[in-house]
Amino acid sequence: QRSRIVDANGKLITTMYDENRITRPLSQISRTM
């Protein structure tokens, strides 16, 4: 999964990855998908 670097307020600075992936449980994937 890709990692995130965020600032002191949680705002994204950048991401790092070998594969650009963010895992999600099936419950967070639309039924239509």
Full PDB file with SEQRES, HELIX, SHEET, SSBOND, CRYST1, ORIGX, SCALE, CONECT and MASTER records, all heavy atoms in Angstrom:
SEQRES   1 A   33  GLN ARG SER ARG ILE VAL ASP ALA ASN GLY LYS LEU ILE          
SEQRES   2 A   33  THR THR MET TYR ASP GLU ASN ARG ILE THR ARG PRO LEU          
SEQRES   3 A   33  SER GLN ILE SER ARG THR MET                                  
HELIX    1 AA1 LEU A   26  GLN A   28  5                                   3    
SHEET    1 AA1 2 SER A   3  VAL A   6  0                                        
SHEET    2 AA1 2 LEU A  12  MET A  16 -1                                        
CRYST1    1.000    1.000    1.000  90.00  90.00  90.00 P 1           1          
ORIGX1      1.000000  0.000000  0.000000        0.00000                         
ORIGX2      0.000000  1.000000  0.000000        0.00000                         
ORIGX3      0.000000  0.000000  1.000000        0.00000                         
SCALE1      1.000000  0.000000  0.000000        0.00000                         
SCALE2      0.000000  1.000000  0.000000        0.00000                         
SCALE3      0.000000  0.000000  1.000000        0.00000                         
ATOM      1  N   GLN A   1       0.839  -1.191   0.000  1.00  0.00           N  
ATOM      2  CA  GLN A   1       0.000   0.000   0.000  1.00  0.00           C  
ATOM      3  C   GLN A   1       0.875   1.242   0.000  1.00  0.00           C  
ATOM      4  O   GLN A   1       1.970   1.242   0.561  1.00  0.00           O  
ATOM      5  CB  GLN A   1      -0.900   0.046   1.236  1.00  0.00           C  
ATOM      6  CG  GLN A   1      -1.935  -1.041   1.321  1.00  0.00           C  
ATOM      7  CD  GLN A   1      -2.926  -0.747   2.438  1.00  0.00           C  
ATOM      8  OE1 GLN A   1      -3.701   0.199   2.374  1.00  0.00           O  
ATOM      9  NE2 GLN A   1      -2.888  -1.564   3.474  1.00  0.00           N  
ATOM     10  N   ARG A   2       0.354   2.303  -0.587  1.00  0.00           N  
ATOM     11  CA  ARG A   2       1.117   3.538  -0.603  1.00  0.00           C  
ATOM     12  C   ARG A   2       1.108   4.171   0.784  1.00  0.00           C  
ATOM     13  O   ARG A   2       0.145   4.050   1.540  1.00  0.00           O  
ATOM     14  CB  ARG A   2       0.555   4.508  -1.638  1.00  0.00           C  
ATOM     15  CG  ARG A   2      -0.750   5.176  -1.252  1.00  0.00           C  
ATOM     16  CD  ARG A   2      -1.240   6.072  -2.366  1.00  0.00           C  
ATOM     17  NE  ARG A   2      -2.385   6.881  -1.964  1.00  0.00           N  
ATOM     18  CZ  ARG A   2      -3.098   7.628  -2.792  1.00  0.00           C  
ATOM     19  NH1 ARG A   2      -2.781   7.649  -4.083  1.00  0.00           N  
ATOM     20  NH2 ARG A   2      -4.113   8.337  -2.364  1.00  0.00           N  
ATOM     21  N   SER A   3       2.197   4.844   1.111  1.00  0.00           N  
ATOM     22  CA  SER A   3       2.307   5.571   2.369  1.00  0.00           C  
ATOM     23  C   SER A   3       2.086   7.055   2.118  1.00  0.00           C  
ATOM     24  O   SER A   3       2.300   7.555   1.013  1.00  0.00           O  
ATOM     25  CB  SER A   3       3.683   5.342   3.002  1.00  0.00           C  
ATOM     26  OG  SER A   3       3.844   3.996   3.396  1.00  0.00           O  
ATOM     27  N   ARG A   4       1.655   7.748   3.168  1.00  0.00           N  
ATOM     28  CA  ARG A   4       1.377   9.179   3.059  1.00  0.00           C  
ATOM     29  C   ARG A   4       2.264   9.946   4.034  1.00  0.00           C  
ATOM     30  O   ARG A   4       2.500   9.504   5.154  1.00  0.00           O  
ATOM     31  CB  ARG A   4      -0.087   9.487   3.395  1.00  0.00           C  
ATOM     32  CG  ARG A   4      -1.087   8.779   2.518  1.00  0.00           C  
ATOM     33  CD  ARG A   4      -2.511   9.285   2.826  1.00  0.00           C  
ATOM     34  NE  ARG A   4      -2.791   9.232   4.258  1.00  0.00           N  
ATOM     35  CZ  ARG A   4      -3.461  10.188   4.932  1.00  0.00           C  
ATOM     36  NH1 ARG A   4      -3.891  11.264   4.293  1.00  0.00           N  
ATOM     37  NH2 ARG A   4      -3.688  10.068   6.231  1.00  0.00           N  
ATOM     38  N   ILE A   5       2.737  11.093   3.587  1.00  0.00           N  
ATOM     39  CA  ILE A   5       3.400  12.046   4.478  1.00  0.00           C  
ATOM     40  C   ILE A   5       2.462  13.235   4.612  1.00  0.00           C  
ATOM     41  O   ILE A   5       2.044  13.821   3.601  1.00  0.00           O  
ATOM     42  CB  ILE A   5       4.764  12.496   3.922  1.00  0.00           C  
ATOM     43  CG1 ILE A   5       5.691  11.287   3.731  1.00  0.00           C  
ATOM     44  CG2 ILE A   5       5.419  13.493   4.870  1.00  0.00           C  
ATOM     45  CD1 ILE A   5       7.047  11.659   3.155  1.00  0.00           C  
ATOM     46  N   VAL A   6       2.101  13.581   5.848  1.00  0.00           N  
ATOM     47  CA  VAL A   6       1.153  14.671   6.069  1.00  0.00           C  
ATOM     48  C   VAL A   6       1.787  15.736   6.959  1.00  0.00           C  
ATOM     49  O   VAL A   6       2.742  15.481   7.692  1.00  0.00           O  
ATOM     50  CB  VAL A   6      -0.150  14.154   6.708  1.00  0.00           C  
ATOM     51  CG1 VAL A   6      -0.837  13.149   5.789  1.00  0.00           C  
ATOM     52  CG2 VAL A   6       0.106  13.531   8.079  1.00  0.00           C  
ATOM     53  N   ASP A   7       1.220  16.947   6.898  1.00  0.00           N  
ATOM     54  CA  ASP A   7       1.746  18.042   7.711  1.00  0.00           C  
ATOM     55  C   ASP A   7       1.168  17.982   9.115  1.00  0.00           C  
ATOM     56  O   ASP A   7       0.449  17.038   9.477  1.00  0.00           O  
ATOM     57  CB  ASP A   7       1.486  19.386   7.033  1.00  0.00           C  
ATOM     58  CG  ASP A   7       0.053  19.877   7.223  1.00  0.00           C  
ATOM     59  OD1 ASP A   7      -0.841  19.058   7.540  1.00  0.00           O  
ATOM     60  OD2 ASP A   7      -0.186  21.085   7.047  1.00  0.00           O  
ATOM     61  N   ALA A   8       1.463  18.980   9.926  1.00  0.00           N  
ATOM     62  CA  ALA A   8       1.044  18.968  11.325  1.00  0.00           C  
ATOM     63  C   ALA A   8      -0.469  18.981  11.479  1.00  0.00           C  
ATOM     64  O   ALA A   8      -0.994  18.571  12.516  1.00  0.00           O  
ATOM     65  CB  ALA A   8       1.652  20.173  12.045  1.00  0.00           C  
ATOM     66  N   ASN A   9      -1.184  19.424  10.440  1.00  0.00           N  
ATOM     67  CA  ASN A   9      -2.644  19.466  10.483  1.00  0.00           C  
ATOM     68  C   ASN A   9      -3.284  18.331   9.697  1.00  0.00           C  
ATOM     69  O   ASN A   9      -4.494  18.343   9.470  1.00  0.00           O  
ATOM     70  CB  ASN A   9      -3.137  20.813   9.938  1.00  0.00           C  
ATOM     71  CG  ASN A   9      -2.691  21.976  10.810  1.00  0.00           C  
ATOM     72  OD1 ASN A   9      -2.825  21.934  12.032  1.00  0.00           O  
ATOM     73  ND2 ASN A   9      -2.141  23.012  10.185  1.00  0.00           N  
ATOM     74  N   GLY A  10      -2.495  17.365   9.279  1.00  0.00           N  
ATOM     75  CA  GLY A  10      -3.022  16.213   8.558  1.00  0.00           C  
ATOM     76  C   GLY A  10      -3.190  16.410   7.073  1.00  0.00           C  
ATOM     77  O   GLY A  10      -3.724  15.538   6.381  1.00  0.00           O  
ATOM     78  N   LYS A  11      -2.737  17.533   6.533  1.00  0.00           N  
ATOM     79  CA  LYS A  11      -2.847  17.786   5.093  1.00  0.00           C  
ATOM     80  C   LYS A  11      -1.734  17.036   4.352  1.00  0.00           C  
ATOM     81  O   LYS A  11      -0.599  16.989   4.808  1.00  0.00           O  
ATOM     82  CB  LYS A  11      -2.763  19.276   4.803  1.00  0.00           C  
ATOM     83  CG  LYS A  11      -3.912  20.080   5.388  1.00  0.00           C  
ATOM     84  CD  LYS A  11      -3.759  21.574   5.080  1.00  0.00           C  
ATOM     85  CE  LYS A  11      -4.904  22.386   5.669  1.00  0.00           C  
ATOM     86  NZ  LYS A  11      -4.735  23.840   5.416  1.00  0.00           N  
ATOM     87  N   LEU A  12      -2.084  16.506   3.192  1.00  0.00           N  
ATOM     88  CA  LEU A  12      -1.150  15.680   2.440  1.00  0.00           C  
ATOM     89  C   LEU A  12       0.021  16.494   1.899  1.00  0.00           C  
ATOM     90  O   LEU A  12      -0.166  17.554   1.297  1.00  0.00           O  
ATOM     91  CB  LEU A  12      -1.872  14.995   1.279  1.00  0.00           C  
ATOM     92  CG  LEU A  12      -1.024  14.030   0.441  1.00  0.00           C  
ATOM     93  CD1 LEU A  12      -0.627  12.806   1.258  1.00  0.00           C  
ATOM     94  CD2 LEU A  12      -1.790  13.600  -0.809  1.00  0.00           C  
ATOM     95  N   ILE A  13       1.227  15.984   2.125  1.00  0.00           N  
ATOM     96  CA  ILE A  13       2.438  16.556   1.533  1.00  0.00           C  
ATOM     97  C   ILE A  13       2.803  15.764   0.279  1.00  0.00           C  
ATOM     98  O   ILE A  13       3.048  16.318  -0.779  1.00  0.00           O  
ATOM     99  CB  ILE A  13       3.597  16.534   2.540  1.00  0.00           C  
ATOM    100  CG1 ILE A  13       3.269  17.418   3.751  1.00  0.00           C  
ATOM    101  CG2 ILE A  13       4.900  16.985   1.880  1.00  0.00           C  
ATOM    102  CD1 ILE A  13       4.285  17.301   4.872  1.00  0.00           C  
ATOM    103  N   THR A  14       2.801  14.440   0.406  1.00  0.00           N  
ATOM    104  CA  THR A  14       3.062  13.573  -0.744  1.00  0.00           C  
ATOM    105  C   THR A  14       2.742  12.139  -0.371  1.00  0.00           C  
ATOM    106  O   THR A  14       2.434  11.827   0.793  1.00  0.00           O  
ATOM    107  CB  THR A  14       4.523  13.681  -1.215  1.00  0.00           C  
ATOM    108  OG1 THR A  14       4.662  13.075  -2.511  1.00  0.00           O  
ATOM    109  CG2 THR A  14       5.470  12.980  -0.260  1.00  0.00           C  
ATOM    110  N   THR A  15       2.782  11.269  -1.366  1.00  0.00           N  
ATOM    111  CA  THR A  15       2.644   9.829  -1.142  1.00  0.00           C  
ATOM    112  C   THR A  15       3.886   9.134  -1.691  1.00  0.00           C  
ATOM    113  O   THR A  15       4.604   9.682  -2.526  1.00  0.00           O  
ATOM    114  CB  THR A  15       1.394   9.267  -1.851  1.00  0.00           C  
ATOM    115  OG1 THR A  15       1.441   9.624  -3.248  1.00  0.00           O  
ATOM    116  CG2 THR A  15       0.129   9.824  -1.238  1.00  0.00           C  
ATOM    117  N   MET A  16       4.106   7.919  -1.198  1.00  0.00           N  
ATOM    118  CA  MET A  16       5.242   7.114  -1.659  1.00  0.00           C  
ATOM    119  C   MET A  16       4.748   5.695  -1.871  1.00  0.00           C  
ATOM    120  O   MET A  16       3.992   5.171  -1.046  1.00  0.00           O  
ATOM    121  CB  MET A  16       6.360   7.109  -0.612  1.00  0.00           C  
ATOM    122  CG  MET A  16       6.856   8.471  -0.209  1.00  0.00           C  
ATOM    123  SD  MET A  16       7.966   8.332   1.205  1.00  0.00           S  
ATOM    124  CE  MET A  16       6.891   7.601   2.418  1.00  0.00           C  
ATOM    125  N   TYR A  17       5.177   5.085  -2.940  1.00  0.00           N  
ATOM    126  CA  TYR A  17       4.711   3.724  -3.189  1.00  0.00           C  
ATOM    127  C   TYR A  17       5.549   3.045  -4.260  1.00  0.00           C  
ATOM    128  O   TYR A  17       6.156   3.702  -5.114  1.00  0.00           O  
ATOM    129  CB  TYR A  17       3.243   3.730  -3.635  1.00  0.00           C  
ATOM    130  CG  TYR A  17       2.942   4.628  -4.812  1.00  0.00           C  
ATOM    131  CD1 TYR A  17       3.153   4.211  -6.126  1.00  0.00           C  
ATOM    132  CD2 TYR A  17       2.441   5.913  -4.610  1.00  0.00           C  
ATOM    133  CE1 TYR A  17       2.867   5.037  -7.200  1.00  0.00           C  
ATOM    134  CE2 TYR A  17       2.150   6.745  -5.686  1.00  0.00           C  
ATOM    135  CZ  TYR A  17       2.366   6.307  -6.973  1.00  0.00           C  
ATOM    136  OH  TYR A  17       2.094   7.125  -8.042  1.00  0.00           O  
ATOM    137  N   ASP A  18       5.557   1.706  -4.180  1.00  0.00           N  
ATOM    138  CA  ASP A  18       5.977   0.894  -5.309  1.00  0.00           C  
ATOM    139  C   ASP A  18       4.765   0.594  -6.179  1.00  0.00           C  
ATOM    140  O   ASP A  18       4.857   0.506  -7.392  1.00  0.00           O  
ATOM    141  CB  ASP A  18       6.620  -0.402  -4.826  1.00  0.00           C  
ATOM    142  CG  ASP A  18       7.999  -0.164  -4.212  1.00  0.00           C  
ATOM    143  OD1 ASP A  18       8.649   0.847  -4.571  1.00  0.00           O  
ATOM    144  OD2 ASP A  18       8.419  -0.963  -3.354  1.00  0.00           O  
ATOM    145  N   GLU A  19       3.601   0.401  -5.524  1.00  0.00           N  
ATOM    146  CA  GLU A  19       2.329   0.245  -6.217  1.00  0.00           C  
ATOM    147  C   GLU A  19       1.341   1.207  -5.574  1.00  0.00           C  
ATOM    148  O   GLU A  19       1.142   1.185  -4.359  1.00  0.00           O  
ATOM    149  CB  GLU A  19       1.811  -1.198  -6.109  1.00  0.00           C  
ATOM    150  CG  GLU A  19       2.678  -2.208  -6.846  1.00  0.00           C  
ATOM    151  CD  GLU A  19       2.122  -3.628  -6.737  1.00  0.00           C  
ATOM    152  OE1 GLU A  19       1.176  -3.846  -5.943  1.00  0.00           O  
ATOM    153  OE2 GLU A  19       2.629  -4.512  -7.451  1.00  0.00           O  
ATOM    154  N   ASN A  20       0.714   2.047  -6.399  1.00  0.00           N  
ATOM    155  CA  ASN A  20      -0.238   3.038  -5.890  1.00  0.00           C  
ATOM    156  C   ASN A  20      -1.531   2.336  -5.508  1.00  0.00           C  
ATOM    157  O   ASN A  20      -2.423   2.137  -6.323  1.00  0.00           O  
ATOM    158  CB  ASN A  20      -0.498   4.103  -6.951  1.00  0.00           C  
ATOM    159  CG  ASN A  20      -1.485   5.152  -6.472  1.00  0.00           C  
ATOM    160  OD1 ASN A  20      -1.653   5.361  -5.269  1.00  0.00           O  
ATOM    161  ND2 ASN A  20      -2.140   5.806  -7.412  1.00  0.00           N  
ATOM    162  N   ARG A  21      -1.620   1.958  -4.223  1.00  0.00           N  
ATOM    163  CA  ARG A  21      -2.762   1.178  -3.757  1.00  0.00           C  
ATOM    164  C   ARG A  21      -3.209   1.674  -2.386  1.00  0.00           C  
ATOM    165  O   ARG A  21      -2.389   2.010  -1.533  1.00  0.00           O  
ATOM    166  CB  ARG A  21      -2.395  -0.308  -3.672  1.00  0.00           C  
ATOM    167  CG  ARG A  21      -3.504  -1.185  -3.088  1.00  0.00           C  
ATOM    168  CD  ARG A  21      -3.069  -2.622  -2.923  1.00  0.00           C  
ATOM    169  NE  ARG A  21      -2.936  -3.312  -4.205  1.00  0.00           N  
ATOM    170  CZ  ARG A  21      -1.783  -3.677  -4.728  1.00  0.00           C  
ATOM    171  NH1 ARG A  21      -0.644  -3.406  -4.089  1.00  0.00           N  
ATOM    172  NH2 ARG A  21      -1.730  -4.303  -5.884  1.00  0.00           N  
ATOM    173  N   ILE A  22      -4.525   1.722  -2.193  1.00  0.00           N  
ATOM    174  CA  ILE A  22      -5.122   2.006  -0.893  1.00  0.00           C  
ATOM    175  C   ILE A  22      -6.171   0.924  -0.660  1.00  0.00           C  
ATOM    176  O   ILE A  22      -7.196   0.900  -1.347  1.00  0.00           O  
ATOM    177  CB  ILE A  22      -5.803   3.391  -0.858  1.00  0.00           C  
ATOM    178  CG1 ILE A  22      -4.866   4.475  -1.391  1.00  0.00           C  
ATOM    179  CG2 ILE A  22      -6.282   3.728   0.548  1.00  0.00           C  
ATOM    180  CD1 ILE A  22      -5.574   5.775  -1.717  1.00  0.00           C  
ATOM    181  N   THR A  23      -5.947   0.018   0.249  1.00  0.00           N  
ATOM    182  CA  THR A  23      -6.890  -1.085   0.443  1.00  0.00           C  
ATOM    183  C   THR A  23      -8.154  -0.600   1.136  1.00  0.00           C  
ATOM    184  O   THR A  23      -8.117   0.298   1.971  1.00  0.00           O  
ATOM    185  CB  THR A  23      -6.257  -2.228   1.255  1.00  0.00           C  
ATOM    186  OG1 THR A  23      -5.920  -1.756   2.556  1.00  0.00           O  
ATOM    187  CG2 THR A  23      -5.019  -2.765   0.563  1.00  0.00           C  
ATOM    188  N   ARG A  24      -9.262  -1.216   0.769  1.00  0.00           N  
ATOM    189  CA  ARG A  24     -10.556  -0.913   1.364  1.00  0.00           C  
ATOM    190  C   ARG A  24     -11.314  -2.213   1.616  1.00  0.00           C  
ATOM    191  O   ARG A  24     -11.268  -3.133   0.788  1.00  0.00           O  
ATOM    192  CB  ARG A  24     -11.385  -0.019   0.426  1.00  0.00           C  
ATOM    193  CG  ARG A  24     -10.918   1.424   0.358  1.00  0.00           C  
ATOM    194  CD  ARG A  24     -11.193   2.137   1.673  1.00  0.00           C  
ATOM    195  NE  ARG A  24     -10.828   3.536   1.643  1.00  0.00           N  
ATOM    196  CZ  ARG A  24      -9.665   4.026   2.036  1.00  0.00           C  
ATOM    197  NH1 ARG A  24      -8.731   3.195   2.484  1.00  0.00           N  
ATOM    198  NH2 ARG A  24      -9.406   5.314   2.003  1.00  0.00           N  
ATOM    199  N   PRO A  25     -12.026  -2.331   2.738  1.00  0.00           N  
ATOM    200  CA  PRO A  25     -12.868  -3.510   2.957  1.00  0.00           C  
ATOM    201  C   PRO A  25     -14.032  -3.510   1.975  1.00  0.00           C  
ATOM    202  O   PRO A  25     -14.406  -2.469   1.420  1.00  0.00           O  
ATOM    203  CB  PRO A  25     -13.352  -3.334   4.407  1.00  0.00           C  
ATOM    204  CG  PRO A  25     -13.281  -1.863   4.664  1.00  0.00           C  
ATOM    205  CD  PRO A  25     -12.109  -1.373   3.862  1.00  0.00           C  
ATOM    206  N   LEU A  26     -14.623  -4.668   1.769  1.00  0.00           N  
ATOM    207  CA  LEU A  26     -15.719  -4.792   0.811  1.00  0.00           C  
ATOM    208  C   LEU A  26     -16.879  -3.863   1.179  1.00  0.00           C  
ATOM    209  O   LEU A  26     -17.579  -3.350   0.296  1.00  0.00           O  
ATOM    210  CB  LEU A  26     -16.199  -6.246   0.760  1.00  0.00           C  
ATOM    211  CG  LEU A  26     -16.939  -6.698  -0.502  1.00  0.00           C  
ATOM    212  CD1 LEU A  26     -16.072  -6.524  -1.735  1.00  0.00           C  
ATOM    213  CD2 LEU A  26     -17.393  -8.151  -0.370  1.00  0.00           C  
ATOM    214  N   SER A  27     -17.042  -3.619   2.453  1.00  0.00           N  
ATOM    215  CA  SER A  27     -18.126  -2.747   2.908  1.00  0.00           C  
ATOM    216  C   SER A  27     -17.921  -1.303   2.482  1.00  0.00           C  
ATOM    217  O   SER A  27     -18.868  -0.504   2.504  1.00  0.00           O  
ATOM    218  CB  SER A  27     -18.246  -2.810   4.439  1.00  0.00           C  
ATOM    219  OG  SER A  27     -17.037  -2.373   5.055  1.00  0.00           O  
ATOM    220  N   GLN A  28     -16.700  -0.934   2.088  1.00  0.00           N  
ATOM    221  CA  GLN A  28     -16.412   0.421   1.638  1.00  0.00           C  
ATOM    222  C   GLN A  28     -16.205   0.490   0.127  1.00  0.00           C  
ATOM    223  O   GLN A  28     -15.614   1.434  -0.383  1.00  0.00           O  
ATOM    224  CB  GLN A  28     -15.186   0.973   2.373  1.00  0.00           C  
ATOM    225  CG  GLN A  28     -15.422   1.190   3.859  1.00  0.00           C  
ATOM    226  CD  GLN A  28     -14.220   1.780   4.558  1.00  0.00           C  
ATOM    227  OE1 GLN A  28     -13.372   2.425   3.939  1.00  0.00           O  
ATOM    228  NE2 GLN A  28     -14.124   1.552   5.859  1.00  0.00           N  
ATOM    229  N   ILE A  29     -16.691  -0.514  -0.574  1.00  0.00           N  
ATOM    230  CA  ILE A  29     -16.682  -0.528  -2.036  1.00  0.00           C  
ATOM    231  C   ILE A  29     -18.135  -0.581  -2.494  1.00  0.00           C  
ATOM    232  O   ILE A  29     -18.914  -1.405  -2.012  1.00  0.00           O  
ATOM    233  CB  ILE A  29     -15.896  -1.738  -2.575  1.00  0.00           C  
ATOM    234  CG1 ILE A  29     -14.441  -1.692  -2.077  1.00  0.00           C  
ATOM    235  CG2 ILE A  29     -15.934  -1.764  -4.105  1.00  0.00           C  
ATOM    236  CD1 ILE A  29     -13.642  -2.929  -2.415  1.00  0.00           C  
ATOM    237  N   SER A  30     -18.497   0.294  -3.392  1.00  0.00           N  
ATOM    238  CA  SER A  30     -19.906   0.398  -3.771  1.00  0.00           C  
ATOM    239  C   SER A  30     -20.440  -0.934  -4.292  1.00  0.00           C  
ATOM    240  O   SER A  30     -19.730  -1.694  -4.968  1.00  0.00           O  
ATOM    241  CB  SER A  30     -20.099   1.486  -4.831  1.00  0.00           C  
ATOM    242  OG  SER A  30     -19.668   1.041  -6.101  1.00  0.00           O  
ATOM    243  N   ARG A  31     -21.704  -1.217  -3.951  1.00  0.00           N  
ATOM    244  CA  ARG A  31     -22.341  -2.447  -4.411  1.00  0.00           C  
ATOM    245  C   ARG A  31     -22.356  -2.503  -5.926  1.00  0.00           C  
ATOM    246  O   ARG A  31     -22.197  -3.572  -6.530  1.00  0.00           O  
ATOM    247  CB  ARG A  31     -23.769  -2.512  -3.850  1.00  0.00           C  
ATOM    248  CG  ARG A  31     -24.519  -3.778  -4.189  1.00  0.00           C  
ATOM    249  CD  ARG A  31     -23.861  -4.994  -3.580  1.00  0.00           C  
ATOM    250  NE  ARG A  31     -24.537  -6.227  -3.959  1.00  0.00           N  
ATOM    251  CZ  ARG A  31     -24.006  -7.431  -3.789  1.00  0.00           C  
ATOM    252  NH1 ARG A  31     -22.798  -7.550  -3.249  1.00  0.00           N  
ATOM    253  NH2 ARG A  31     -24.678  -8.508  -4.134  1.00  0.00           N  
ATOM    254  N   THR A  32     -22.523  -1.364  -6.556  1.00  0.00           N  
ATOM    255  CA  THR A  32     -22.538  -1.305  -8.023  1.00  0.00           C  
ATOM    256  C   THR A  32     -21.205  -1.764  -8.594  1.00  0.00           C  
ATOM    257  O   THR A  32     -21.159  -2.465  -9.612  1.00  0.00           O  
ATOM    258  CB  THR A  32     -22.843   0.125  -8.492  1.00  0.00           C  
ATOM    259  OG1 THR A  32     -24.071   0.555  -7.918  1.00  0.00           O  
ATOM    260  CG2 THR A  32     -22.930   0.194 -10.005  1.00  0.00           C  
ATOM    261  N   MET A  33     -20.105  -1.363  -7.941  1.00  0.00           N  
ATOM    262  CA  MET A  33     -18.781  -1.783  -8.410  1.00  0.00           C  
ATOM    263  C   MET A  33     -18.618  -3.290  -8.275  1.00  0.00           C  
ATOM    264  O   MET A  33     -18.096  -3.956  -9.182  1.00  0.00           O  
ATOM    265  CB  MET A  33     -17.701  -1.055  -7.594  1.00  0.00           C  
ATOM    266  CG  MET A  33     -16.279  -1.400  -8.017  1.00  0.00           C  
ATOM    267  SD  MET A  33     -15.886  -0.792  -9.677  1.00  0.00           S  
ATOM    268  CE  MET A  33     -14.874  -2.143 -10.306  1.00  0.00           C  
TER     269      MET A  33                                                      
MASTER        0    0    0    1    2    0    0    6  268    1    0    3          
END                                                                             
